[in-house]
């Protein structure tokens, strides 16, 4: 199960958070989302735990709790809604099949 965490203190690292969730069971993966330009934590992240019961227990026990002075929210991650895929705003630079020949569309 994939878990979404928000409200993380900016100084919390992935190793520390992995250890915290590891108290509830096996952690398959963990990622704290960081700002592309500064590399600093954005205060949220994702944990993946392979055993649903362990993940649900972690959610139940940690949601709304205090983590280094911050109140965190912990919930099952929701899948990103599909927007229909491809290029938003209509085609630019894709390939289009025309009479069995590949032509570049602009």
C-alpha atoms as a PDB file:
ATOM      1  CA  UNK A   1       0.000   0.000   0.000  1.00  0.00           C
ATOM      2  CA  UNK A   2       1.233   3.477  -0.827  1.00  0.00           C
ATOM      3  CA  UNK A   3       0.958   6.064   1.944  1.00  0.00           C
ATOM      4  CA  UNK A   4       0.961   9.865   1.608  1.00  0.00           C
ATOM      5  CA  UNK A   5       2.489  11.948   4.422  1.00  0.00           C
ATOM      6  CA  UNK A   6       2.213  15.708   4.717  1.00  0.00           C
ATOM      7  CA  UNK A   7       3.294  18.232   7.329  1.00  0.00           C
ATOM      8  CA  UNK A   8       6.798  16.806   7.647  1.00  0.00           C
ATOM      9  CA  UNK A   9       9.415  19.024   9.269  1.00  0.00           C
ATOM     10  CA  UNK A  10      11.834  20.194   6.568  1.00  0.00           C
ATOM     11  CA  UNK A  11      14.853  18.740   8.369  1.00  0.00           C
ATOM     12  CA  UNK A  12      13.509  15.154   8.445  1.00  0.00           C
ATOM     13  CA  UNK A  13      15.482  12.818   6.181  1.00  0.00           C
ATOM     14  CA  UNK A  14      14.481   9.657   4.353  1.00  0.00           C
ATOM     15  CA  UNK A  15      16.575   7.360   6.587  1.00  0.00           C
ATOM     16  CA  UNK A  16      14.903   8.702   9.720  1.00  0.00           C
ATOM     17  CA  UNK A  17      11.411   8.408   8.252  1.00  0.00           C
ATOM     18  CA  UNK A  18      12.135   4.884   6.987  1.00  0.00           C
ATOM     19  CA  UNK A  19      13.100   3.894  10.540  1.00  0.00           C
ATOM     20  CA  UNK A  20       9.878   5.393  11.939  1.00  0.00           C
ATOM     21  CA  UNK A  21       7.660   3.511   9.473  1.00  0.00           C
ATOM     22  CA  UNK A  22       9.835   0.432   9.930  1.00  0.00           C
ATOM     23  CA  UNK A  23       8.469   0.208  13.483  1.00  0.00           C
ATOM     24  CA  UNK A  24       5.155  -0.846  11.884  1.00  0.00           C
ATOM     25  CA  UNK A  25       6.568  -3.300   9.319  1.00  0.00           C
ATOM     26  CA  UNK A  26       8.608  -3.600   6.152  1.00  0.00           C
ATOM     27  CA  UNK A  27       9.133  -0.427   4.122  1.00  0.00           C
ATOM     28  CA  UNK A  28       9.454  -1.201   0.414  1.00  0.00           C
ATOM     29  CA  UNK A  29      10.245   2.369  -0.618  1.00  0.00           C
ATOM     30  CA  UNK A  30      10.135   5.888   0.769  1.00  0.00           C
ATOM     31  CA  UNK A  31      10.550   9.243  -0.926  1.00  0.00           C
ATOM     32  CA  UNK A  32      10.451  12.742   0.489  1.00  0.00           C
ATOM     33  CA  UNK A  33       9.543  15.211  -2.265  1.00  0.00           C
ATOM     34  CA  UNK A  34      12.131  17.951  -2.713  1.00  0.00           C
ATOM     35  CA  UNK A  35      12.194  21.298  -4.472  1.00  0.00           C
ATOM     36  CA  UNK A  36      13.896  20.945  -7.856  1.00  0.00           C
ATOM     37  CA  UNK A  37      15.869  24.161  -7.539  1.00  0.00           C
ATOM     38  CA  UNK A  38      16.932  24.139  -3.889  1.00  0.00           C
ATOM     39  CA  UNK A  39      16.878  20.420  -3.090  1.00  0.00           C
ATOM     40  CA  UNK A  40      15.072  21.219   0.176  1.00  0.00           C
ATOM     41  CA  UNK A  41      12.182  19.068   1.407  1.00  0.00           C
ATOM     42  CA  UNK A  42       8.724  20.303   0.444  1.00  0.00           C
ATOM     43  CA  UNK A  43       7.266  18.797   3.616  1.00  0.00           C
ATOM     44  CA  UNK A  44       5.534  15.774   2.129  1.00  0.00           C
ATOM     45  CA  UNK A  45       6.358  12.361   0.810  1.00  0.00           C
ATOM     46  CA  UNK A  46       5.324   8.794   0.069  1.00  0.00           C
ATOM     47  CA  UNK A  47       5.963   5.464   1.767  1.00  0.00           C
ATOM     48  CA  UNK A  48       5.218   2.102   0.217  1.00  0.00           C
ATOM     49  CA  UNK A  49       4.606  -0.844   2.538  1.00  0.00           C
ATOM     50  CA  UNK A  50       3.956  -4.290   1.013  1.00  0.00           C
ATOM     51  CA  UNK A  51       1.679  -5.552   3.835  1.00  0.00           C
ATOM     52  CA  UNK A  52      -1.627  -3.643   3.865  1.00  0.00           C
ATOM     53  CA  UNK A  53      -2.379  -4.408   7.530  1.00  0.00           C
ATOM     54  CA  UNK A  54       0.959  -2.921   8.608  1.00  0.00           C
ATOM     55  CA  UNK A  55       0.397   0.143   6.427  1.00  0.00           C
ATOM     56  CA  UNK A  56      -3.097   0.659   7.849  1.00  0.00           C
ATOM     57  CA  UNK A  57      -1.728   0.407  11.388  1.00  0.00           C
ATOM     58  CA  UNK A  58       0.942   3.020  10.569  1.00  0.00           C
ATOM     59  CA  UNK A  59      -1.732   5.338   9.158  1.00  0.00           C
ATOM     60  CA  UNK A  60      -3.995   4.828  12.175  1.00  0.00           C
ATOM     61  CA  UNK A  61      -1.252   5.438  14.733  1.00  0.00           C
ATOM     62  CA  UNK A  62       0.603   8.288  13.007  1.00  0.00           C
ATOM     63  CA  UNK A  63      -2.160  10.385  11.405  1.00  0.00           C
ATOM     64  CA  UNK A  64      -2.624  13.634  13.327  1.00  0.00           C
ATOM     65  CA  UNK A  65       0.384  12.943  15.495  1.00  0.00           C
ATOM     66  CA  UNK A  66       3.201  15.255  16.470  1.00  0.00           C
ATOM     67  CA  UNK A  67       6.456  14.736  14.578  1.00  0.00           C
ATOM     68  CA  UNK A  68       9.305  16.974  15.776  1.00  0.00           C
ATOM     69  CA  UNK A  69       6.850  19.779  16.547  1.00  0.00           C
ATOM     70  CA  UNK A  70       4.742  19.414  13.380  1.00  0.00           C
ATOM     71  CA  UNK A  71       1.283  17.870  13.199  1.00  0.00           C
ATOM     72  CA  UNK A  72       1.482  15.354  10.358  1.00  0.00           C
ATOM     73  CA  UNK A  73      -1.265  13.864   8.227  1.00  0.00           C
ATOM     74  CA  UNK A  74      -0.860  10.281   7.091  1.00  0.00           C
ATOM     75  CA  UNK A  75      -3.306   8.628   4.677  1.00  0.00           C
ATOM     76  CA  UNK A  76      -3.519   6.076   1.925  1.00  0.00           C
ATOM     77  CA  UNK A  77      -2.204   7.678  -1.253  1.00  0.00           C
ATOM     78  CA  UNK A  78      -4.762   8.250  -3.985  1.00  0.00           C
ATOM     79  CA  UNK A  79      -3.936   7.578  -7.617  1.00  0.00           C
ATOM     80  CA  UNK A  80      -3.452  10.692  -9.700  1.00  0.00           C
ATOM     81  CA  UNK A  81      -6.513  11.187 -11.908  1.00  0.00           C
ATOM     82  CA  UNK A  82      -5.829  10.542 -15.559  1.00  0.00           C
ATOM     83  CA  UNK A  83      -6.170  13.602 -17.764  1.00  0.00           C
ATOM     84  CA  UNK A  84      -6.413  11.647 -20.976  1.00  0.00           C
ATOM     85  CA  UNK A  85      -2.645  11.496 -21.377  1.00  0.00           C
ATOM     86  CA  UNK A  86      -0.456  13.008 -24.010  1.00  0.00           C
ATOM     87  CA  UNK A  87       0.009  16.649 -24.763  1.00  0.00           C
ATOM     88  CA  UNK A  88      -2.307  18.966 -22.940  1.00  0.00           C
ATOM     89  CA  UNK A  89      -3.350  21.836 -25.119  1.00  0.00           C
ATOM     90  CA  UNK A  90      -3.430  19.800 -28.290  1.00  0.00           C
ATOM     91  CA  UNK A  91      -0.709  18.116 -30.187  1.00  0.00           C
ATOM     92  CA  UNK A  92       2.612  19.805 -30.718  1.00  0.00           C
ATOM     93  CA  UNK A  93       5.413  17.761 -31.988  1.00  0.00           C
ATOM     94  CA  UNK A  94       3.935  14.290 -31.878  1.00  0.00           C
ATOM     95  CA  UNK A  95       3.916  11.744 -34.642  1.00  0.00           C
ATOM     96  CA  UNK A  96       0.805  11.130 -36.689  1.00  0.00           C
ATOM     97  CA  UNK A  97       0.220   8.229 -39.043  1.00  0.00           C
ATOM     98  CA  UNK A  98      -0.902   9.358 -42.477  1.00  0.00           C
ATOM     99  CA  UNK A  99      -1.283   6.939 -45.413  1.00  0.00           C
ATOM    100  CA  UNK A 100       1.054   4.441 -43.718  1.00  0.00           C
ATOM    101  CA  UNK A 101       3.856   7.014 -43.664  1.00  0.00           C
ATOM    102  CA  UNK A 102       5.094   8.663 -40.500  1.00  0.00           C
ATOM    103  CA  UNK A 103       4.852  12.412 -40.724  1.00  0.00           C
ATOM    104  CA  UNK A 104       5.775  14.895 -38.083  1.00  0.00           C
ATOM    105  CA  UNK A 105       2.796  17.000 -37.040  1.00  0.00           C
ATOM    106  CA  UNK A 106       3.205  20.570 -35.853  1.00  0.00           C
END
